Amino acid sequence: MAVKQFQDVLSEENLEVVLPKAGDIFDHNYHDCIETLEDGVAGTIAEIVTKGYKIDDTVLRPAKVKVYKSKI
């Protein structure tokens, strides 16, 4: 019950979870790249490590992700 009340308070303050999906385009405003991988579409998210949080347009913690890079 206490957890539900806490979540309700956070929702009232417009807290949102930043949870991208694999294959989404990497956006440095909302995501933090912690590793780059090959064998995928460059600039897309390969894996989500941790979710992020934001209030309105302010990012509190970016989502930590692994991103595909282009082969050079």
Protein backbone atom coordinates (compact mmCIF):
# COMPACT_ATOMS: atom_id res chain seq x y z
CA MET A 1 0.00 0.00 0.00
CA ALA A 2 2.83 2.40 0.82
CA VAL A 3 4.51 1.68 -2.52
CA LYS A 4 1.27 2.46 -4.37
CA GLN A 5 0.89 5.75 -2.51
CA PHE A 6 4.51 6.66 -3.31
CA GLN A 7 3.95 5.87 -7.00
CA ASP A 8 0.80 8.01 -6.99
CA VAL A 9 2.71 10.98 -5.56
CA LEU A 10 5.41 10.59 -8.22
CA SER A 11 2.76 10.40 -10.95
CA GLU A 12 1.17 13.59 -9.65
CA GLU A 13 4.56 15.29 -10.05
CA ASN A 14 4.66 14.10 -13.70
CA LEU A 15 7.45 11.57 -13.19
CA GLU A 16 7.78 9.40 -16.29
CA VAL A 17 9.87 6.32 -16.94
CA VAL A 18 12.24 6.50 -19.90
CA LEU A 19 12.19 2.93 -21.18
CA PRO A 20 13.18 2.60 -24.83
CA LYS A 21 12.78 -0.60 -26.81
CA ALA A 22 15.45 -2.47 -28.73
CA GLY A 23 15.51 -1.06 -32.24
CA ASP A 24 14.55 2.49 -31.22
CA ILE A 25 16.76 5.34 -32.43
CA PHE A 26 19.42 6.43 -29.91
CA ASP A 27 18.67 9.91 -28.52
CA HIS A 28 21.48 11.39 -26.42
CA ASN A 29 18.94 13.60 -24.62
CA TYR A 30 17.23 10.59 -23.02
CA HIS A 31 19.76 7.75 -23.33
CA ASP A 32 23.27 7.15 -22.06
CA CYS A 33 25.35 4.83 -24.26
CA ILE A 34 27.50 2.58 -22.09
CA GLU A 35 28.67 0.23 -24.85
CA THR A 36 28.71 0.04 -28.64
CA LEU A 37 28.11 -3.17 -30.56
CA GLU A 38 28.46 -4.24 -34.19
CA ASP A 39 26.16 -6.35 -36.38
CA GLY A 40 23.11 -4.11 -36.31
CA VAL A 41 21.57 -0.96 -37.74
CA ALA A 42 23.88 1.92 -36.80
CA GLY A 43 22.42 4.39 -34.32
CA THR A 44 19.76 2.08 -32.94
CA ILE A 45 19.46 0.66 -29.45
CA ALA A 46 20.63 -2.94 -29.08
CA GLU A 47 19.88 -3.53 -25.41
CA ILE A 48 18.47 -1.65 -22.42
CA VAL A 49 20.55 -1.95 -19.26
CA THR A 50 18.63 0.34 -16.89
CA LYS A 51 15.54 2.47 -17.31
CA GLY A 52 15.66 6.22 -16.88
CA TYR A 53 13.37 8.83 -15.37
CA LYS A 54 12.21 12.34 -16.26
CA ILE A 55 9.87 14.97 -14.90
CA ASP A 56 8.21 16.97 -17.67
CA ASP A 57 11.15 17.80 -20.00
CA THR A 58 13.87 17.45 -17.35
CA VAL A 59 15.78 14.18 -17.40
CA LEU A 60 16.58 13.00 -13.88
CA ARG A 61 18.46 9.88 -15.00
CA PRO A 62 18.96 8.85 -18.62
CA ALA A 63 18.29 5.25 -19.61
CA LYS A 64 21.54 3.30 -19.92
CA VAL A 65 21.66 1.46 -23.24
CA LYS A 66 23.93 -0.44 -25.61
CA VAL A 67 23.95 0.97 -29.14
CA TYR A 68 24.87 -0.47 -32.52
CA LYS A 69 27.67 1.40 -34.30
CA SER A 70 28.53 1.59 -37.98
CA LYS A 71 31.30 -0.62 -39.31
CA ILE A 72 34.28 1.35 -40.51
